[in-house]
Amino acid sequence: MKKFKKGQSTLEYVIILAAVVGAIIAVAAMFKPKLVTTYDSLSNTMQGTVGRVNFN
């Protein structure tokens, strides 16, 4: 009986890649609300600062 080592290795790499991609998506979903809040706060601060600048 022949062994399909190349096919087995490829499958192992695909499984590892899927696990890594899944972990990245999970971490991104976890941090998304905090990032949105931070970017909104930064945007509001920048708008307020630009509004106070006098260009005369």
PDB file of N, CA and C in Angstrom:
ATOM      1  N   MET A   1       0.838  -1.172   0.000  1.00  0.00           N
ATOM      2  CA  MET A   1       0.000   0.000   0.000  1.00  0.00           C
ATOM      3  C   MET A   1       0.893   1.249   0.000  1.00  0.00           C
ATOM      4  N   LYS A   2       0.569   2.199  -0.867  1.00  0.00           N
ATOM      5  CA  LYS A   2       1.352   3.433  -0.966  1.00  0.00           C
ATOM      6  C   LYS A   2       0.958   4.408   0.127  1.00  0.00           C
ATOM      7  N   LYS A   3       1.950   5.133   0.574  1.00  0.00           N
ATOM      8  CA  LYS A   3       1.671   6.200   1.550  1.00  0.00           C
ATOM      9  C   LYS A   3       1.682   7.528   0.810  1.00  0.00           C
ATOM     10  N   PHE A   4       0.727   8.380   1.129  1.00  0.00           N
ATOM     11  CA  PHE A   4       0.617   9.684   0.493  1.00  0.00           C
ATOM     12  C   PHE A   4       1.116  10.750   1.460  1.00  0.00           C
ATOM     13  N   LYS A   5       2.443  10.804   1.647  1.00  0.00           N
ATOM     14  CA  LYS A   5       3.015  11.759   2.595  1.00  0.00           C
ATOM     15  C   LYS A   5       2.827  13.193   2.140  1.00  0.00           C
ATOM     16  N   LYS A   6       2.960  13.455   0.839  1.00  0.00           N
ATOM     17  CA  LYS A   6       2.819  14.815   0.342  1.00  0.00           C
ATOM     18  C   LYS A   6       1.400  15.325   0.600  1.00  0.00           C
ATOM     19  N   GLY A   7       0.421  14.521   0.318  1.00  0.00           N
ATOM     20  CA  GLY A   7      -0.967  14.909   0.565  1.00  0.00           C
ATOM     21  C   GLY A   7      -1.237  15.105   2.044  1.00  0.00           C
ATOM     22  N   GLN A   8      -0.653  14.284   2.857  1.00  0.00           N
ATOM     23  CA  GLN A   8      -0.836  14.400   4.305  1.00  0.00           C
ATOM     24  C   GLN A   8      -0.202  15.692   4.804  1.00  0.00           C
ATOM     25  N   SER A   9       0.990  16.018   4.352  1.00  0.00           N
ATOM     26  CA  SER A   9       1.654  17.249   4.776  1.00  0.00           C
ATOM     27  C   SER A   9       0.863  18.471   4.346  1.00  0.00           C
ATOM     28  N   THR A  10       0.338  18.443   3.123  1.00  0.00           N
ATOM     29  CA  THR A  10      -0.451  19.560   2.620  1.00  0.00           C
ATOM     30  C   THR A  10      -1.690  19.755   3.482  1.00  0.00           C
ATOM     31  N   LEU A  11      -2.349  18.690   3.824  1.00  0.00           N
ATOM     32  CA  LEU A  11      -3.540  18.769   4.664  1.00  0.00           C
ATOM     33  C   LEU A  11      -3.194  19.339   6.046  1.00  0.00           C
ATOM     34  N   GLU A  12      -2.072  18.924   6.589  1.00  0.00           N
ATOM     35  CA  GLU A  12      -1.652  19.452   7.889  1.00  0.00           C
ATOM     36  C   GLU A  12      -1.409  20.956   7.812  1.00  0.00           C
ATOM     37  N   TYR A  13      -0.775  21.424   6.748  1.00  0.00           N
ATOM     38  CA  TYR A  13      -0.537  22.858   6.585  1.00  0.00           C
ATOM     39  C   TYR A  13      -1.846  23.619   6.409  1.00  0.00           C
ATOM     40  N   VAL A  14      -2.782  23.049   5.698  1.00  0.00           N
ATOM     41  CA  VAL A  14      -4.082  23.699   5.510  1.00  0.00           C
ATOM     42  C   VAL A  14      -4.813  23.814   6.846  1.00  0.00           C
ATOM     43  N   ILE A  15      -4.759  22.787   7.654  1.00  0.00           N
ATOM     44  CA  ILE A  15      -5.413  22.811   8.965  1.00  0.00           C
ATOM     45  C   ILE A  15      -4.759  23.862   9.863  1.00  0.00           C
ATOM     46  N   ILE A  16      -3.435  23.933   9.859  1.00  0.00           N
ATOM     47  CA  ILE A  16      -2.733  24.936  10.664  1.00  0.00           C
ATOM     48  C   ILE A  16      -3.078  26.336  10.176  1.00  0.00           C
ATOM     49  N   LEU A  17      -3.089  26.542   8.861  1.00  0.00           N
ATOM     50  CA  LEU A  17      -3.435  27.844   8.300  1.00  0.00           C
ATOM     51  C   LEU A  17      -4.854  28.247   8.682  1.00  0.00           C
ATOM     52  N   ALA A  18      -5.779  27.309   8.632  1.00  0.00           N
ATOM     53  CA  ALA A  18      -7.162  27.600   9.012  1.00  0.00           C
ATOM     54  C   ALA A  18      -7.255  27.978  10.492  1.00  0.00           C
ATOM     55  N   ALA A  19      -6.492  27.318  11.336  1.00  0.00           N
ATOM     56  CA  ALA A  19      -6.495  27.646  12.761  1.00  0.00           C
ATOM     57  C   ALA A  19      -5.917  29.037  13.008  1.00  0.00           C
ATOM     58  N   VAL A  20      -4.852  29.391  12.300  1.00  0.00           N
ATOM     59  CA  VAL A  20      -4.246  30.709  12.462  1.00  0.00           C
ATOM     60  C   VAL A  20      -5.194  31.799  11.983  1.00  0.00           C
ATOM     61  N   VAL A  21      -5.818  31.597  10.832  1.00  0.00           N
ATOM     62  CA  VAL A  21      -6.776  32.571  10.309  1.00  0.00           C
ATOM     63  C   VAL A  21      -7.963  32.711  11.259  1.00  0.00           C
ATOM     64  N   GLY A  22      -8.449  31.611  11.791  1.00  0.00           N
ATOM     65  CA  GLY A  22      -9.542  31.657  12.760  1.00  0.00           C
ATOM     66  C   GLY A  22      -9.160  32.433  14.009  1.00  0.00           C
ATOM     67  N   ALA A  23      -7.935  32.246  14.480  1.00  0.00           N
ATOM     68  CA  ALA A  23      -7.474  32.968  15.663  1.00  0.00           C
ATOM     69  C   ALA A  23      -7.367  34.467  15.380  1.00  0.00           C
ATOM     70  N   ILE A  24      -6.874  34.826  14.206  1.00  0.00           N
ATOM     71  CA  ILE A  24      -6.775  36.242  13.840  1.00  0.00           C
ATOM     72  C   ILE A  24      -8.156  36.880  13.781  1.00  0.00           C
ATOM     73  N   ILE A  25      -9.112  36.191  13.195  1.00  0.00           N
ATOM     74  CA  ILE A  25     -10.476  36.715  13.105  1.00  0.00           C
ATOM     75  C   ILE A  25     -11.084  36.858  14.502  1.00  0.00           C
ATOM     76  N   ALA A  26     -10.852  35.892  15.371  1.00  0.00           N
ATOM     77  CA  ALA A  26     -11.393  35.968  16.735  1.00  0.00           C
ATOM     78  C   ALA A  26     -10.794  37.136  17.501  1.00  0.00           C
ATOM     79  N   VAL A  27      -9.498  37.342  17.383  1.00  0.00           N
ATOM     80  CA  VAL A  27      -8.845  38.453  18.088  1.00  0.00           C
ATOM     81  C   VAL A  27      -9.341  39.785  17.528  1.00  0.00           C
ATOM     82  N   ALA A  28      -9.475  39.876  16.217  1.00  0.00           N
ATOM     83  CA  ALA A  28      -9.966  41.112  15.603  1.00  0.00           C
ATOM     84  C   ALA A  28     -11.390  41.421  16.068  1.00  0.00           C
ATOM     85  N   ALA A  29     -12.221  40.412  16.160  1.00  0.00           N
ATOM     86  CA  ALA A  29     -13.599  40.618  16.623  1.00  0.00           C
ATOM     87  C   ALA A  29     -13.632  41.051  18.084  1.00  0.00           C
ATOM     88  N   MET A  30     -12.685  40.564  18.871  1.00  0.00           N
ATOM     89  CA  MET A  30     -12.626  40.912  20.284  1.00  0.00           C
ATOM     90  C   MET A  30     -12.218  42.377  20.480  1.00  0.00           C
ATOM     91  N   PHE A  31     -11.266  42.852  19.680  1.00  0.00           N
ATOM     92  CA  PHE A  31     -10.742  44.197  19.849  1.00  0.00           C
ATOM     93  C   PHE A  31     -11.478  45.258  19.046  1.00  0.00           C
ATOM     94  N   LYS A  32     -12.364  44.878  18.142  1.00  0.00           N
ATOM     95  CA  LYS A  32     -13.031  45.848  17.279  1.00  0.00           C
ATOM     96  C   LYS A  32     -13.798  46.924  18.051  1.00  0.00           C
ATOM     97  N   PRO A  33     -14.621  46.597  19.044  1.00  0.00           N
ATOM     98  CA  PRO A  33     -15.344  47.663  19.754  1.00  0.00           C
ATOM     99  C   PRO A  33     -14.413  48.680  20.412  1.00  0.00           C
ATOM    100  N   LYS A  34     -13.328  48.230  20.999  1.00  0.00           N
ATOM    101  CA  LYS A  34     -12.377  49.135  21.643  1.00  0.00           C
ATOM    102  C   LYS A  34     -11.692  50.021  20.610  1.00  0.00           C
ATOM    103  N   LEU A  35     -11.327  49.454  19.466  1.00  0.00           N
ATOM    104  CA  LEU A  35     -10.683  50.238  18.424  1.00  0.00           C
ATOM    105  C   LEU A  35     -11.621  51.296  17.862  1.00  0.00           C
ATOM    106  N   VAL A  36     -12.880  50.944  17.656  1.00  0.00           N
ATOM    107  CA  VAL A  36     -13.851  51.902  17.137  1.00  0.00           C
ATOM    108  C   VAL A  36     -14.013  53.061  18.118  1.00  0.00           C
ATOM    109  N   THR A  37     -14.116  52.751  19.396  1.00  0.00           N
ATOM    110  CA  THR A  37     -14.239  53.792  20.423  1.00  0.00           C
ATOM    111  C   THR A  37     -13.003  54.686  20.435  1.00  0.00           C
ATOM    112  N   THR A  38     -11.837  54.102  20.339  1.00  0.00           N
ATOM    113  CA  THR A  38     -10.593  54.877  20.348  1.00  0.00           C
ATOM    114  C   THR A  38     -10.507  55.789  19.135  1.00  0.00           C
ATOM    115  N   TYR A  39     -10.825  55.274  17.948  1.00  0.00           N
ATOM    116  CA  TYR A  39     -10.761  56.088  16.736  1.00  0.00           C
ATOM    117  C   TYR A  39     -11.797  57.209  16.770  1.00  0.00           C
ATOM    118  N   ASP A  40     -12.987  56.935  17.276  1.00  0.00           N
ATOM    119  CA  ASP A  40     -14.008  57.980  17.392  1.00  0.00           C
ATOM    120  C   ASP A  40     -13.547  59.081  18.345  1.00  0.00           C
ATOM    121  N   SER A  41     -12.969  58.711  19.458  1.00  0.00           N
ATOM    122  CA  SER A  41     -12.471  59.685  20.423  1.00  0.00           C
ATOM    123  C   SER A  41     -11.347  60.523  19.819  1.00  0.00           C
ATOM    124  N   LEU A  42     -10.444  59.884  19.131  1.00  0.00           N
ATOM    125  CA  LEU A  42      -9.345  60.591  18.482  1.00  0.00           C
ATOM    126  C   LEU A  42      -9.865  61.558  17.420  1.00  0.00           C
ATOM    127  N   SER A  43     -10.824  61.108  16.645  1.00  0.00           N
ATOM    128  CA  SER A  43     -11.418  61.967  15.610  1.00  0.00           C
ATOM    129  C   SER A  43     -12.089  63.187  16.222  1.00  0.00           C
ATOM    130  N   ASN A  44     -12.840  63.002  17.279  1.00  0.00           N
ATOM    131  CA  ASN A  44     -13.508  64.122  17.944  1.00  0.00           C
ATOM    132  C   ASN A  44     -12.497  65.104  18.533  1.00  0.00           C
ATOM    133  N   THR A  45     -11.434  64.588  19.111  1.00  0.00           N
ATOM    134  CA  THR A  45     -10.396  65.452  19.673  1.00  0.00           C
ATOM    135  C   THR A  45      -9.726  66.277  18.576  1.00  0.00           C
ATOM    136  N   MET A  46      -9.419  65.639  17.456  1.00  0.00           N
ATOM    137  CA  MET A  46      -8.776  66.351  16.347  1.00  0.00           C
ATOM    138  C   MET A  46      -9.703  67.407  15.761  1.00  0.00           C
ATOM    139  N   GLN A  47     -10.983  67.097  15.610  1.00  0.00           N
ATOM    140  CA  GLN A  47     -11.928  68.075  15.083  1.00  0.00           C
ATOM    141  C   GLN A  47     -12.039  69.281  16.009  1.00  0.00           C
ATOM    142  N   GLY A  48     -12.078  69.044  17.295  1.00  0.00           N
ATOM    143  CA  GLY A  48     -12.149  70.139  18.258  1.00  0.00           C
ATOM    144  C   GLY A  48     -10.907  71.011  18.230  1.00  0.00           C
ATOM    145  N   THR A  49      -9.753  70.404  18.089  1.00  0.00           N
ATOM    146  CA  THR A  49      -8.504  71.154  18.049  1.00  0.00           C
ATOM    147  C   THR A  49      -8.395  71.982  16.777  1.00  0.00           C
ATOM    148  N   VAL A  50      -8.761  71.431  15.649  1.00  0.00           N
ATOM    149  CA  VAL A  50      -8.723  72.157  14.389  1.00  0.00           C
ATOM    150  C   VAL A  50      -9.728  73.310  14.419  1.00  0.00           C
ATOM    151  N   GLY A  51     -10.858  73.131  15.053  1.00  0.00           N
ATOM    152  CA  GLY A  51     -11.869  74.180  15.143  1.00  0.00           C
ATOM    153  C   GLY A  51     -11.394  75.374  15.949  1.00  0.00           C
ATOM    154  N   ARG A  52     -10.479  75.177  16.878  1.00  0.00           N
ATOM    155  CA  ARG A  52      -9.982  76.283  17.712  1.00  0.00           C
ATOM    156  C   ARG A  52      -8.825  77.032  17.084  1.00  0.00           C
ATOM    157  N   VAL A  53      -8.242  76.505  16.012  1.00  0.00           N
ATOM    158  CA  VAL A  53      -7.086  77.146  15.393  1.00  0.00           C
ATOM    159  C   VAL A  53      -7.542  78.329  14.559  1.00  0.00           C
ATOM    160  N   ASN A  54      -6.841  79.457  14.710  1.00  0.00           N
ATOM    161  CA  ASN A  54      -7.153  80.675  13.959  1.00  0.00           C
ATOM    162  C   ASN A  54      -6.096  80.814  12.867  1.00  0.00           C
ATOM    163  N   PHE A  55      -6.534  80.812  11.610  1.00  0.00           N
ATOM    164  CA  PHE A  55      -5.601  80.845  10.493  1.00  0.00           C
ATOM    165  C   PHE A  55      -5.367  82.267   9.962  1.00  0.00           C
ATOM    166  N   ASN A  56      -5.546  83.288  10.764  1.00  0.00           N
ATOM    167  CA  ASN A  56      -5.318  84.682  10.317  1.00  0.00           C
ATOM    168  C   ASN A  56      -3.886  85.060  10.430  1.00  0.00           C
TER     169      ASN A  56
END
